[in-house]
């Protein structure tokens, strides 16, 4: 009997920007994870998102320790200045 799906956050370090490394570039990874099954039940529950804005704490990253996510896959696609101390 399968357990609950593993809750995975796929997150970038930059806000959504056309023609840049936004989370949409990782859509095939998200789709692949969503398609994985154990005993015909989903193995992963995937949330995909970009950072909200630069220069301020991100509402999800800054509260990750209180979230329901089991795993976070962080894609550091910024130029080195995206994460804040709160993140």
Protein backbone atom coordinates (compact mmCIF):
# COMPACT_ATOMS: atom_id res chain seq x y z
CA UNK A 1 0.00 0.00 0.00
CA UNK A 2 1.56 3.32 -1.04
CA UNK A 3 1.95 6.19 1.41
CA UNK A 4 1.34 9.86 0.78
CA UNK A 5 3.14 11.42 -2.17
CA UNK A 6 6.46 13.13 -1.48
CA UNK A 7 5.82 16.88 -1.60
CA UNK A 8 8.51 18.48 -3.76
CA UNK A 9 9.08 22.18 -4.37
CA UNK A 10 10.93 23.05 -7.58
CA UNK A 11 12.03 26.66 -7.10
CA UNK A 12 14.18 29.14 -8.99
CA UNK A 13 16.10 32.05 -7.47
CA UNK A 14 14.81 34.63 -9.96
CA UNK A 15 11.40 36.15 -10.68
CA UNK A 16 9.55 35.06 -13.81
CA UNK A 17 11.27 36.74 -16.74
CA UNK A 18 10.64 36.09 -20.42
CA UNK A 19 13.62 34.52 -22.19
CA UNK A 20 15.44 33.74 -18.94
CA UNK A 21 15.83 30.69 -16.71
CA UNK A 22 12.36 30.77 -15.16
CA UNK A 23 10.74 27.63 -13.74
CA UNK A 24 9.05 26.98 -17.10
CA UNK A 25 12.44 25.82 -18.38
CA UNK A 26 12.17 22.91 -15.94
CA UNK A 27 8.67 21.85 -17.00
CA UNK A 28 9.84 18.48 -18.34
CA UNK A 29 11.37 17.66 -14.96
CA UNK A 30 8.12 18.58 -13.22
CA UNK A 31 6.14 16.48 -15.66
CA UNK A 32 8.50 13.52 -15.23
CA UNK A 33 8.18 13.65 -11.44
CA UNK A 34 4.39 13.94 -11.63
CA UNK A 35 4.24 10.83 -13.84
CA UNK A 36 6.11 8.60 -11.38
CA UNK A 37 3.90 6.01 -9.69
CA UNK A 38 4.11 3.45 -6.91
CA UNK A 39 1.31 0.88 -6.84
CA UNK A 40 -0.52 3.12 -9.36
CA UNK A 41 -0.49 6.06 -6.91
CA UNK A 42 1.47 9.30 -7.50
CA UNK A 43 4.94 9.14 -5.99
CA UNK A 44 5.42 12.94 -6.01
CA UNK A 45 3.26 16.00 -5.52
CA UNK A 46 5.13 18.76 -7.35
CA UNK A 47 4.89 22.52 -6.89
CA UNK A 48 6.84 24.64 -9.37
CA UNK A 49 7.48 28.33 -8.82
CA UNK A 50 9.79 31.25 -9.41
CA UNK A 51 10.94 33.68 -6.78
CA UNK A 52 8.47 36.53 -6.25
CA UNK A 53 10.92 39.45 -6.52
CA UNK A 54 14.53 40.36 -5.92
CA UNK A 55 15.70 42.33 -2.89
CA UNK A 56 13.05 41.06 -0.48
CA UNK A 57 12.50 37.71 1.24
CA UNK A 58 10.48 35.24 -0.80
CA UNK A 59 7.28 34.24 1.01
CA UNK A 60 7.84 30.52 0.40
CA UNK A 61 11.62 30.31 0.80
CA UNK A 62 11.62 32.42 3.96
CA UNK A 63 9.07 30.12 5.61
CA UNK A 64 10.24 26.81 4.16
CA UNK A 65 11.01 25.37 7.59
CA UNK A 66 7.30 25.69 8.46
CA UNK A 67 5.99 24.39 5.13
CA UNK A 68 4.54 21.03 4.21
CA UNK A 69 7.24 20.32 1.61
CA UNK A 70 9.34 17.19 2.08
CA UNK A 71 11.99 18.30 -0.43
CA UNK A 72 13.09 21.47 -2.17
CA UNK A 73 15.05 21.48 -5.40
CA UNK A 74 16.53 24.97 -5.73
CA UNK A 75 17.71 26.08 -9.16
CA UNK A 76 20.20 28.92 -8.61
CA UNK A 77 19.86 30.60 -11.99
CA UNK A 78 20.63 34.11 -10.75
CA UNK A 79 23.93 35.97 -11.03
CA UNK A 80 24.73 35.52 -7.34
CA UNK A 81 22.54 38.02 -5.54
CA UNK A 82 19.04 36.54 -5.36
CA UNK A 83 18.76 34.93 -1.93
CA UNK A 84 18.28 37.04 1.16
CA UNK A 85 19.37 36.11 4.69
CA UNK A 86 15.73 35.27 5.49
CA UNK A 87 15.56 32.86 2.55
